[in-house]
Amino acid sequence: MDKEKQKRYAKEILELISEWDYDDVDASIQDIIYELTKIRKDKKISQAELSEMSGIAQSTISRIETHRVIPTLPILFKILHSLDCKLTIILQ
Protein backbone atom coordinates (compact mmCIF):
# COMPACT_ATOMS: atom_id res chain seq x y z
CA MET A 1 0.00 0.00 0.00
CA ASP A 2 1.49 3.36 -0.98
CA LYS A 3 1.86 6.22 1.49
CA GLU A 4 -1.01 8.27 0.06
CA LYS A 5 -3.40 5.32 0.28
CA GLN A 6 -2.26 4.65 3.86
CA LYS A 7 -2.95 8.28 4.80
CA ARG A 8 -6.45 8.17 3.28
CA TYR A 9 -7.16 4.86 5.03
CA ALA A 10 -5.96 6.21 8.40
CA LYS A 11 -8.06 9.36 7.93
CA GLU A 12 -11.16 7.28 7.20
CA ILE A 13 -10.57 5.19 10.32
CA LEU A 14 -10.09 8.31 12.46
CA GLU A 15 -13.36 9.71 11.12
CA LEU A 16 -15.14 6.46 12.02
CA ILE A 17 -13.58 6.40 15.47
CA SER A 18 -14.67 9.99 16.15
CA GLU A 19 -18.29 8.83 15.81
CA TRP A 20 -17.99 5.87 18.21
CA ASP A 21 -19.01 5.67 21.82
CA TYR A 22 -15.73 5.85 23.74
CA ASP A 23 -16.59 2.92 26.01
CA ASP A 24 -17.13 0.81 22.90
CA VAL A 25 -13.84 2.04 21.43
CA ASP A 26 -11.94 1.11 24.59
CA ALA A 27 -13.46 -2.38 24.58
CA SER A 28 -12.77 -2.75 20.85
CA ILE A 29 -9.14 -1.72 21.25
CA GLN A 30 -8.72 -4.19 24.10
CA ASP A 31 -10.23 -6.91 21.88
CA ILE A 32 -7.84 -6.02 19.04
CA ILE A 33 -4.84 -6.09 21.37
CA TYR A 34 -5.96 -9.42 22.82
CA GLU A 35 -6.27 -10.93 19.33
CA LEU A 36 -2.91 -9.55 18.18
CA THR A 37 -1.20 -10.95 21.27
CA LYS A 38 -2.87 -14.32 20.68
CA ILE A 39 -1.79 -14.33 17.01
CA ARG A 40 1.79 -13.44 17.98
CA LYS A 41 1.91 -16.28 20.50
CA ASP A 42 0.21 -18.76 18.12
CA LYS A 43 2.89 -17.96 15.54
CA LYS A 44 5.53 -18.50 18.25
CA ILE A 45 6.93 -15.00 17.76
CA SER A 46 8.49 -13.39 20.82
CA GLN A 47 8.02 -9.74 21.65
CA ALA A 48 11.70 -9.23 20.80
CA GLU A 49 11.20 -10.84 17.38
CA LEU A 50 8.09 -8.74 16.73
CA SER A 51 10.12 -5.70 17.71
CA GLU A 52 12.73 -6.53 15.08
CA MET A 53 10.07 -7.27 12.46
CA SER A 54 8.06 -4.10 13.09
CA GLY A 55 10.69 -1.58 14.19
CA ILE A 56 8.71 -0.96 17.38
CA ALA A 57 10.55 -1.12 20.70
CA GLN A 58 9.97 -4.34 22.63
CA SER A 59 9.06 -2.27 25.69
CA THR A 60 6.30 -0.56 23.68
CA ILE A 61 4.95 -3.92 22.51
CA SER A 62 4.93 -5.10 26.13
CA ARG A 63 3.06 -1.98 27.29
CA ILE A 64 0.51 -2.44 24.50
CA GLU A 65 -0.04 -6.12 25.28
CA THR A 66 -0.51 -5.39 28.99
CA HIS A 67 -2.96 -2.55 28.20
CA ARG A 68 -0.75 0.11 29.75
CA VAL A 69 -0.72 2.11 26.52
CA ILE A 70 -3.06 2.37 23.53
CA PRO A 71 -1.20 2.04 20.24
CA THR A 72 -1.36 4.81 17.68
CA LEU A 73 -2.68 3.84 14.26
CA PRO A 74 0.79 3.81 12.66
CA ILE A 75 2.09 1.47 15.39
CA LEU A 76 -1.00 -0.71 15.13
CA PHE A 77 -0.55 -0.97 11.35
CA LYS A 78 3.13 -1.89 11.75
CA ILE A 79 2.21 -4.68 14.14
CA LEU A 80 -0.59 -5.88 11.86
CA HIS A 81 1.71 -5.89 8.86
CA SER A 82 4.48 -7.69 10.75
CA LEU A 83 2.04 -10.42 11.82
CA ASP A 84 0.63 -10.61 8.28
CA CYS A 85 -2.80 -9.53 9.52
CA LYS A 86 -5.49 -7.14 8.36
CA LEU A 87 -7.87 -5.05 10.43
CA THR A 88 -11.42 -5.10 9.14
CA ILE A 89 -14.04 -2.75 10.49
CA ILE A 90 -17.64 -3.84 10.14
CA LEU A 91 -20.19 -1.08 10.54
CA GLN A 92 -23.41 -2.15 12.17
PDB file of N, CA and C in Angstrom:
ATOM      1  N   MET A   1       0.849  -1.170   0.000  1.00  0.00           N
ATOM      2  CA  MET A   1       0.000   0.000   0.000  1.00  0.00           C
ATOM      3  C   MET A   1       0.895   1.234   0.000  1.00  0.00           C
ATOM      4  N   ASP A   2       0.649   2.171  -0.920  1.00  0.00           N
ATOM      5  CA  ASP A   2       1.493   3.360  -0.984  1.00  0.00           C
ATOM      6  C   ASP A   2       1.138   4.329   0.142  1.00  0.00           C
ATOM      7  N   LYS A   3       2.014   5.294   0.364  1.00  0.00           N
ATOM      8  CA  LYS A   3       1.859   6.224   1.491  1.00  0.00           C
ATOM      9  C   LYS A   3       0.558   7.012   1.407  1.00  0.00           C
ATOM     10  N   GLU A   4       0.201   7.465   0.222  1.00  0.00           N
ATOM     11  CA  GLU A   4      -1.008   8.266   0.060  1.00  0.00           C
ATOM     12  C   GLU A   4      -2.255   7.448   0.408  1.00  0.00           C
ATOM     13  N   LYS A   5      -2.274   6.198  -0.022  1.00  0.00           N
ATOM     14  CA  LYS A   5      -3.401   5.321   0.280  1.00  0.00           C
ATOM     15  C   LYS A   5      -3.461   5.047   1.785  1.00  0.00           C
ATOM     16  N   GLN A   6      -2.302   4.873   2.414  1.00  0.00           N
ATOM     17  CA  GLN A   6      -2.259   4.650   3.861  1.00  0.00           C
ATOM     18  C   GLN A   6      -2.822   5.856   4.601  1.00  0.00           C
ATOM     19  N   LYS A   7      -2.467   7.063   4.147  1.00  0.00           N
ATOM     20  CA  LYS A   7      -2.950   8.281   4.795  1.00  0.00           C
ATOM     21  C   LYS A   7      -4.470   8.398   4.665  1.00  0.00           C
ATOM     22  N   ARG A   8      -5.003   8.109   3.479  1.00  0.00           N
ATOM     23  CA  ARG A   8      -6.453   8.168   3.278  1.00  0.00           C
ATOM     24  C   ARG A   8      -7.154   7.142   4.164  1.00  0.00           C
ATOM     25  N   TYR A   9      -6.589   5.940   4.226  1.00  0.00           N
ATOM     26  CA  TYR A   9      -7.161   4.864   5.033  1.00  0.00           C
ATOM     27  C   TYR A   9      -7.167   5.260   6.516  1.00  0.00           C
ATOM     28  N   ALA A  10      -6.056   5.789   6.999  1.00  0.00           N
ATOM     29  CA  ALA A  10      -5.958   6.213   8.395  1.00  0.00           C
ATOM     30  C   ALA A  10      -6.960   7.329   8.684  1.00  0.00           C
ATOM     31  N   LYS A  11      -7.105   8.270   7.747  1.00  0.00           N
ATOM     32  CA  LYS A  11      -8.058   9.363   7.935  1.00  0.00           C
ATOM     33  C   LYS A  11      -9.477   8.830   8.019  1.00  0.00           C
ATOM     34  N   GLU A  12      -9.827   7.875   7.168  1.00  0.00           N
ATOM     35  CA  GLU A  12     -11.165   7.279   7.201  1.00  0.00           C
ATOM     36  C   GLU A  12     -11.413   6.590   8.539  1.00  0.00           C
ATOM     37  N   ILE A  13     -10.417   5.873   9.033  1.00  0.00           N
ATOM     38  CA  ILE A  13     -10.566   5.186  10.320  1.00  0.00           C
ATOM     39  C   ILE A  13     -10.746   6.205  11.447  1.00  0.00           C
ATOM     40  N   LEU A  14      -9.959   7.280  11.419  1.00  0.00           N
ATOM     41  CA  LEU A  14     -10.090   8.307  12.459  1.00  0.00           C
ATOM     42  C   LEU A  14     -11.476   8.945  12.424  1.00  0.00           C
ATOM     43  N   GLU A  15     -12.015   9.151  11.236  1.00  0.00           N
ATOM     44  CA  GLU A  15     -13.364   9.710  11.122  1.00  0.00           C
ATOM     45  C   GLU A  15     -14.391   8.750  11.713  1.00  0.00           C
ATOM     46  N   LEU A  16     -14.227   7.456  11.446  1.00  0.00           N
ATOM     47  CA  LEU A  16     -15.142   6.465  12.018  1.00  0.00           C
ATOM     48  C   LEU A  16     -15.031   6.431  13.534  1.00  0.00           C
ATOM     49  N   ILE A  17     -13.809   6.459  14.024  1.00  0.00           N
ATOM     50  CA  ILE A  17     -13.584   6.397  15.468  1.00  0.00           C
ATOM     51  C   ILE A  17     -14.199   7.604  16.165  1.00  0.00           C
ATOM     52  N   SER A  18     -14.143   8.779  15.521  1.00  0.00           N
ATOM     53  CA  SER A  18     -14.674   9.991  16.152  1.00  0.00           C
ATOM     54  C   SER A  18     -16.175   9.886  16.386  1.00  0.00           C
ATOM     55  N   GLU A  19     -16.851   8.996  15.671  1.00  0.00           N
ATOM     56  CA  GLU A  19     -18.295   8.825  15.810  1.00  0.00           C
ATOM     57  C   GLU A  19     -18.661   7.740  16.819  1.00  0.00           C
ATOM     58  N   TRP A  20     -17.710   6.983  17.315  1.00  0.00           N
ATOM     59  CA  TRP A  20     -17.991   5.870  18.212  1.00  0.00           C
ATOM     60  C   TRP A  20     -18.213   6.337  19.638  1.00  0.00           C
ATOM     61  N   ASP A  21     -18.894   5.502  20.390  1.00  0.00           N
ATOM     62  CA  ASP A  21     -19.012   5.671  21.824  1.00  0.00           C
ATOM     63  C   ASP A  21     -17.663   5.260  22.424  1.00  0.00           C
ATOM     64  N   TYR A  22     -17.083   6.100  23.252  1.00  0.00           N
ATOM     65  CA  TYR A  22     -15.728   5.847  23.737  1.00  0.00           C
ATOM     66  C   TYR A  22     -15.604   4.575  24.560  1.00  0.00           C
ATOM     67  N   ASP A  23     -16.652   4.185  25.276  1.00  0.00           N
ATOM     68  CA  ASP A  23     -16.589   2.922  26.009  1.00  0.00           C
ATOM     69  C   ASP A  23     -16.483   1.752  25.038  1.00  0.00           C
ATOM     70  N   ASP A  24     -17.207   1.845  23.926  1.00  0.00           N
ATOM     71  CA  ASP A  24     -17.128   0.806  22.904  1.00  0.00           C
ATOM     72  C   ASP A  24     -15.746   0.780  22.263  1.00  0.00           C
ATOM     73  N   VAL A  25     -15.176   1.957  22.038  1.00  0.00           N
ATOM     74  CA  VAL A  25     -13.839   2.038  21.432  1.00  0.00           C
ATOM     75  C   VAL A  25     -12.822   1.388  22.347  1.00  0.00           C
ATOM     76  N   ASP A  26     -12.886   1.686  23.638  1.00  0.00           N
ATOM     77  CA  ASP A  26     -11.940   1.106  24.586  1.00  0.00           C
ATOM     78  C   ASP A  26     -12.043  -0.417  24.583  1.00  0.00           C
ATOM     79  N   ALA A  27     -13.266  -0.926  24.606  1.00  0.00           N
ATOM     80  CA  ALA A  27     -13.461  -2.380  24.582  1.00  0.00           C
ATOM     81  C   ALA A  27     -12.963  -2.961  23.263  1.00  0.00           C
ATOM     82  N   SER A  28     -13.213  -2.267  22.166  1.00  0.00           N
ATOM     83  CA  SER A  28     -12.769  -2.747  20.852  1.00  0.00           C
ATOM     84  C   SER A  28     -11.246  -2.776  20.767  1.00  0.00           C
ATOM     85  N   ILE A  29     -10.600  -1.762  21.275  1.00  0.00           N
ATOM     86  CA  ILE A  29      -9.137  -1.723  21.254  1.00  0.00           C
ATOM     87  C   ILE A  29      -8.577  -2.860  22.098  1.00  0.00           C
ATOM     88  N   GLN A  30      -9.178  -3.085  23.250  1.00  0.00           N
ATOM     89  CA  GLN A  30      -8.722  -4.190  24.095  1.00  0.00           C
ATOM     90  C   GLN A  30      -8.898  -5.523  23.379  1.00  0.00           C
ATOM     91  N   ASP A  31     -10.000  -5.677  22.653  1.00  0.00           N
ATOM     92  CA  ASP A  31     -10.228  -6.909  21.877  1.00  0.00           C
ATOM     93  C   ASP A  31      -9.170  -7.067  20.790  1.00  0.00           C
ATOM     94  N   ILE A  32      -8.855  -5.986  20.106  1.00  0.00           N
ATOM     95  CA  ILE A  32      -7.842  -6.022  19.041  1.00  0.00           C
ATOM     96  C   ILE A  32      -6.493  -6.417  19.630  1.00  0.00           C
ATOM     97  N   ILE A  33      -6.124  -5.796  20.731  1.00  0.00           N
ATOM     98  CA  ILE A  33      -4.839  -6.094  21.367  1.00  0.00           C
ATOM     99  C   ILE A  33      -4.799  -7.553  21.824  1.00  0.00           C
ATOM    100  N   TYR A  34      -5.896  -8.022  22.396  1.00  0.00           N
ATOM    101  CA  TYR A  34      -5.962  -9.419  22.821  1.00  0.00           C
ATOM    102  C   TYR A  34      -5.725 -10.341  21.625  1.00  0.00           C
ATOM    103  N   GLU A  35      -6.405 -10.079  20.514  1.00  0.00           N
ATOM    104  CA  GLU A  35      -6.272 -10.926  19.326  1.00  0.00           C
ATOM    105  C   GLU A  35      -4.858 -10.857  18.751  1.00  0.00           C
ATOM    106  N   LEU A  36      -4.271  -9.673  18.702  1.00  0.00           N
ATOM    107  CA  LEU A  36      -2.907  -9.554  18.176  1.00  0.00           C
ATOM    108  C   LEU A  36      -1.907 -10.307  19.052  1.00  0.00           C
ATOM    109  N   THR A  37      -2.084 -10.227  20.357  1.00  0.00           N
ATOM    110  CA  THR A  37      -1.201 -10.953  21.273  1.00  0.00           C
ATOM    111  C   THR A  37      -1.357 -12.454  21.061  1.00  0.00           C
ATOM    112  N   LYS A  38      -2.598 -12.897  20.915  1.00  0.00           N
ATOM    113  CA  LYS A  38      -2.867 -14.323  20.675  1.00  0.00           C
ATOM    114  C   LYS A  38      -2.231 -14.777  19.359  1.00  0.00           C
ATOM    115  N   ILE A  39      -2.380 -13.995  18.313  1.00  0.00           N
ATOM    116  CA  ILE A  39      -1.792 -14.334  17.010  1.00  0.00           C
ATOM    117  C   ILE A  39      -0.275 -14.417  17.121  1.00  0.00           C
ATOM    118  N   ARG A  40       0.333 -13.439  17.810  1.00  0.00           N
ATOM    119  CA  ARG A  40       1.794 -13.443  17.975  1.00  0.00           C
ATOM    120  C   ARG A  40       2.238 -14.724  18.672  1.00  0.00           C
ATOM    121  N   LYS A  41       1.543 -15.078  19.741  1.00  0.00           N
ATOM    122  CA  LYS A  41       1.910 -16.283  20.496  1.00  0.00           C
ATOM    123  C   LYS A  41       1.647 -17.550  19.689  1.00  0.00           C
ATOM    124  N   ASP A  42       0.521 -17.591  18.965  1.00  0.00           N
ATOM    125  CA  ASP A  42       0.211 -18.756  18.122  1.00  0.00           C
ATOM    126  C   ASP A  42       1.277 -18.969  17.052  1.00  0.00           C
ATOM    127  N   LYS A  43       1.842 -17.868  16.561  1.00  0.00           N
ATOM    128  CA  LYS A  43       2.890 -17.964  15.540  1.00  0.00           C
ATOM    129  C   LYS A  43       4.274 -18.177  16.165  1.00  0.00           C
ATOM    130  N   LYS A  44       4.281 -18.277  17.500  1.00  0.00           N
ATOM    131  CA  LYS A  44       5.526 -18.496  18.252  1.00  0.00           C
ATOM    132  C   LYS A  44       6.561 -17.406  17.970  1.00  0.00           C
ATOM    133  N   ILE A  45       6.069 -16.172  17.958  1.00  0.00           N
ATOM    134  CA  ILE A  45       6.926 -15.005  17.760  1.00  0.00           C
ATOM    135  C   ILE A  45       7.055 -14.309  19.110  1.00  0.00           C
ATOM    136  N   SER A  46       8.278 -14.089  19.546  1.00  0.00           N
ATOM    137  CA  SER A  46       8.489 -13.395  20.817  1.00  0.00           C
ATOM    138  C   SER A  46       8.273 -11.890  20.621  1.00  0.00           C
ATOM    139  N   GLN A  47       8.117 -11.192  21.731  1.00  0.00           N
ATOM    140  CA  GLN A  47       8.016  -9.735  21.647  1.00  0.00           C
ATOM    141  C   GLN A  47       9.277  -9.149  21.026  1.00  0.00           C
ATOM    142  N   ALA A  48      10.434  -9.713  21.356  1.00  0.00           N
ATOM    143  CA  ALA A  48      11.695  -9.226  20.797  1.00  0.00           C
ATOM    144  C   ALA A  48      11.724  -9.426  19.281  1.00  0.00           C
ATOM    145  N   GLU A  49      11.235 -10.574  18.824  1.00  0.00           N
ATOM    146  CA  GLU A  49      11.199 -10.835  17.382  1.00  0.00           C
ATOM    147  C   GLU A  49      10.215  -9.900  16.681  1.00  0.00           C
ATOM    148  N   LEU A  50       9.065  -9.676  17.300  1.00  0.00           N
ATOM    149  CA  LEU A  50       8.095  -8.742  16.726  1.00  0.00           C
ATOM    150  C   LEU A  50       8.681  -7.339  16.680  1.00  0.00           C
ATOM    151  N   SER A  51       9.448  -6.995  17.685  1.00  0.00           N
ATOM    152  CA  SER A  51      10.121  -5.698  17.711  1.00  0.00           C
ATOM    153  C   SER A  51      11.049  -5.545  16.503  1.00  0.00           C
ATOM    154  N   GLU A  52      11.831  -6.566  16.238  1.00  0.00           N
ATOM    155  CA  GLU A  52      12.732  -6.531  15.082  1.00  0.00           C
ATOM    156  C   GLU A  52      11.948  -6.467  13.777  1.00  0.00           C
ATOM    157  N   MET A  53      10.872  -7.217  13.683  1.00  0.00           N
ATOM    158  CA  MET A  53      10.068  -7.275  12.462  1.00  0.00           C
ATOM    159  C   MET A  53       9.362  -5.947  12.178  1.00  0.00           C
ATOM    160  N   SER A  54       8.903  -5.288  13.246  1.00  0.00           N
ATOM    161  CA  SER A  54       8.062  -4.098  13.092  1.00  0.00           C
ATOM    162  C   SER A  54       8.806  -2.776  13.258  1.00  0.00           C
ATOM    163  N   GLY A  55       9.969  -2.828  13.903  1.00  0.00           N
ATOM    164  CA  GLY A  55      10.685  -1.582  14.191  1.00  0.00           C
ATOM    165  C   GLY A  55      10.139  -0.857  15.409  1.00  0.00           C
ATOM    166  N   ILE A  56       9.294  -1.532  16.170  1.00  0.00           N
ATOM    167  CA  ILE A  56       8.709  -0.959  17.385  1.00  0.00           C
ATOM    168  C   ILE A  56       9.467  -1.526  18.581  1.00  0.00           C
ATOM    169  N   ALA A  57       9.795  -0.675  19.530  1.00  0.00           N
ATOM    170  CA  ALA A  57      10.550  -1.121  20.698  1.00  0.00           C
ATOM    171  C   ALA A  57       9.808  -2.241  21.428  1.00  0.00           C
ATOM    172  N   GLN A  58      10.559  -3.216  21.900  1.00  0.00           N
ATOM    173  CA  GLN A  58       9.966  -4.340  22.630  1.00  0.00           C
ATOM    174  C   GLN A  58       9.214  -3.834  23.851  1.00  0.00           C
ATOM    175  N   SER A  59       9.737  -2.806  24.505  1.00  0.00           N
ATOM    176  CA  SER A  59       9.059  -2.268  25.690  1.00  0.00           C
ATOM    177  C   SER A  59       7.695  -1.680  25.323  1.00  0.00           C
ATOM    178  N   THR A  60       7.579  -1.094  24.143  1.00  0.00           N
ATOM    179  CA  THR A  60       6.297  -0.555  23.683  1.00  0.00           C
ATOM    180  C   THR A  60       5.321  -1.691  23.410  1.00  0.00           C
ATOM    181  N   ILE A  61       5.803  -2.749  22.778  1.00  0.00           N
ATOM    182  CA  ILE A  61       4.953  -3.918  22.514  1.00  0.00           C
ATOM    183  C   ILE A  61       4.450  -4.493  23.836  1.00  0.00           C
ATOM    184  N   SER A  62       5.322  -4.588  24.809  1.00  0.00           N
ATOM    185  CA  SER A  62       4.932  -5.100  26.125  1.00  0.00           C
ATOM    186  C   SER A  62       3.864  -4.216  26.755  1.00  0.00           C
ATOM    187  N   ARG A  63       4.045  -2.907  26.705  1.00  0.00           N
ATOM    188  CA  ARG A  63       3.063  -1.982  27.293  1.00  0.00           C
ATOM    189  C   ARG A  63       1.715  -2.074  26.571  1.00  0.00           C
ATOM    190  N   ILE A  64       1.751  -2.275  25.254  1.00  0.00           N
ATOM    191  CA  ILE A  64       0.509  -2.439  24.496  1.00  0.00           C
ATOM    192  C   ILE A  64      -0.199  -3.720  24.918  1.00  0.00           C
ATOM    193  N   GLU A  65       0.554  -4.814  24.964  1.00  0.00           N
ATOM    194  CA  GLU A  65      -0.036  -6.117  25.285  1.00  0.00           C
ATOM    195  C   GLU A  65      -0.565  -6.200  26.714  1.00  0.00           C
ATOM    196  N   THR A  66      -0.037  -5.395  27.596  1.00  0.00           N
ATOM    197  CA  THR A  66      -0.513  -5.393  28.986  1.00  0.00           C
ATOM    198  C   THR A  66      -1.478  -4.232  29.236  1.00  0.00           C
ATOM    199  N   HIS A  67      -1.947  -3.610  28.166  1.00  0.00           N
ATOM    200  CA  HIS A  67      -2.956  -2.554  28.203  1.00  0.00           C
ATOM    201  C   HIS A  67      -2.531  -1.335  29.017  1.00  0.00           C
ATOM    202  N   ARG A  68      -1.231  -1.091  29.053  1.00  0.00           N
ATOM    203  CA  ARG A  68      -0.749   0.107  29.747  1.00  0.00           C
ATOM    204  C   ARG A  68      -0.668   1.297  28.809  1.00  0.00           C
ATOM    205  N   VAL A  69      -0.753   1.024  27.502  1.00  0.00           N
ATOM    206  CA  VAL A  69      -0.722   2.106  26.519  1.00  0.00           C
ATOM    207  C   VAL A  69      -1.593   1.676  25.330  1.00  0.00           C
ATOM    208  N   ILE A  70      -2.264   2.639  24.728  1.00  0.00           N
ATOM    209  CA  ILE A  70      -3.061   2.368  23.532  1.00  0.00           C
ATOM    210  C   ILE A  70      -2.189   2.705  22.320  1.00  0.00           C
ATOM    211  N   PRO A  71      -2.065   1.777  21.386  1.00  0.00           N
ATOM    212  CA  PRO A  71      -1.195   2.043  20.237  1.00  0.00           C
ATOM    213  C   PRO A  71      -1.785   3.095  19.303  1.00  0.00           C
ATOM    214  N   THR A  72      -0.919   3.891  18.719  1.00  0.00           N
ATOM    215  CA  THR A  72      -1.356   4.811  17.680  1.00  0.00           C
ATOM    216  C   THR A  72      -1.675   3.982  16.434  1.00  0.00           C
ATOM    217  N   LEU A  73      -2.369   4.565  15.494  1.00  0.00           N
ATOM    218  CA  LEU A  73      -2.682   3.836  14.262  1.00  0.00           C
ATOM    219  C   LEU A  73      -1.426   3.400  13.515  1.00  0.00           C
ATOM    220  N   PRO A  74      -0.413   4.277  13.362  1.00  0.00           N
ATOM    221  CA  PRO A  74       0.788   3.807  12.657  1.00  0.00           C
ATOM    222  C   PRO A  74       1.449   2.610  13.343  1.00  0.00           C
ATOM    223  N   ILE A  75       1.497   2.603  14.662  1.00  0.00           N
ATOM    224  CA  ILE A  75       2.088   1.473  15.386  1.00  0.00           C
ATOM    225  C   ILE A  75       1.213   0.234  15.214  1.00  0.00           C
ATOM    226  N   LEU A  76      -0.089   0.412  15.318  1.00  0.00           N
ATOM    227  CA  LEU A  76      -0.999  -0.709  15.130  1.00  0.00           C
ATOM    228  C   LEU A  76      -0.821  -1.317  13.745  1.00  0.00           C
ATOM    229  N   PHE A  77      -0.720  -0.468  12.716  1.00  0.00           N
ATOM    230  CA  PHE A  77      -0.550  -0.974  11.351  1.00  0.00           C
ATOM    231  C   PHE A  77       0.787  -1.686  11.168  1.00  0.00           C
ATOM    232  N   LYS A  78       1.837  -1.203  11.830  1.00  0.00           N
ATOM    233  CA  LYS A  78       3.134  -1.885  11.750  1.00  0.00           C
ATOM    234  C   LYS A  78       3.051  -3.281  12.373  1.00  0.00           C
ATOM    235  N   ILE A  79       2.368  -3.379  13.489  1.00  0.00           N
ATOM    236  CA  ILE A  79       2.209  -4.681  14.143  1.00  0.00           C
ATOM    237  C   ILE A  79       1.372  -5.602  13.257  1.00  0.00           C
ATOM    238  N   LEU A  80       0.260  -5.083  12.750  1.00  0.00           N
ATOM    239  CA  LEU A  80      -0.592  -5.877  11.864  1.00  0.00           C
ATOM    240  C   LEU A  80       0.195  -6.397  10.672  1.00  0.00           C
ATOM    241  N   HIS A  81       0.926  -5.509  10.033  1.00  0.00           N
ATOM    242  CA  HIS A  81       1.710  -5.890   8.855  1.00  0.00           C
ATOM    243  C   HIS A  81       2.758  -6.953   9.218  1.00  0.00           C
ATOM    244  N   SER A  82       3.431  -6.762  10.331  1.00  0.00           N
ATOM    245  CA  SER A  82       4.479  -7.695  10.751  1.00  0.00           C
ATOM    246  C   SER A  82       3.920  -9.083  11.049  1.00  0.00           C
ATOM    247  N   LEU A  83       2.686  -9.140  11.525  1.00  0.00           N
ATOM    248  CA  LEU A  83       2.038 -10.416  11.824  1.00  0.00           C
ATOM    249  C   LEU A  83       1.246 -10.942  10.630  1.00  0.00           C
ATOM    250  N   ASP A  84       1.338 -10.238   9.509  1.00  0.00           N
ATOM    251  CA  ASP A  84       0.628 -10.608   8.281  1.00  0.00           C
ATOM    252  C   ASP A  84      -0.876 -10.669   8.532  1.00  0.00           C
ATOM    253  N   CYS A  85      -1.386  -9.614   9.173  1.00  0.00           N
ATOM    254  CA  CYS A  85      -2.802  -9.527   9.518  1.00  0.00           C
ATOM    255  C   CYS A  85      -3.409  -8.274   8.907  1.00  0.00           C
ATOM    256  N   LYS A  86      -4.730  -8.295   8.806  1.00  0.00           N
ATOM    257  CA  LYS A  86      -5.491  -7.135   8.361  1.00  0.00           C
ATOM    258  C   LYS A  86      -6.517  -6.795   9.432  1.00  0.00           C
ATOM    259  N   LEU A  87      -6.827  -5.515   9.535  1.00  0.00           N
ATOM    260  CA  LEU A  87      -7.868  -5.053  10.434  1.00  0.00           C
ATOM    261  C   LEU A  87      -9.083  -4.706   9.589  1.00  0.00           C
ATOM    262  N   THR A  88     -10.198  -5.353   9.866  1.00  0.00           N
ATOM    263  CA  THR A  88     -11.421  -5.102   9.142  1.00  0.00           C
ATOM    264  C   THR A  88     -12.446  -4.501  10.097  1.00  0.00           C
ATOM    265  N   ILE A  89     -13.023  -3.408   9.680  1.00  0.00           N
ATOM    266  CA  ILE A  89     -14.043  -2.750  10.492  1.00  0.00           C
ATOM    267  C   ILE A  89     -15.395  -3.022   9.843  1.00  0.00           C
ATOM    268  N   ILE A  90     -16.306  -3.545  10.633  1.00  0.00           N
ATOM    269  CA  ILE A  90     -17.641  -3.841  10.140  1.00  0.00           C
ATOM    270  C   ILE A  90     -18.598  -2.850  10.811  1.00  0.00           C
ATOM    271  N   LEU A  91     -19.232  -2.045  10.001  1.00  0.00           N
ATOM    272  CA  LEU A  91     -20.194  -1.083  10.541  1.00  0.00           C
ATOM    273  C   LEU A  91     -21.532  -1.766  10.734  1.00  0.00           C
ATOM    274  N   GLN A  92     -22.125  -1.518  11.880  1.00  0.00           N
ATOM    275  CA  GLN A  92     -23.411  -2.149  12.174  1.00  0.00           C
ATOM    276  C   GLN A  92     -24.487  -1.102  12.337  1.00  0.00           C
TER     277      GLN A  92
END
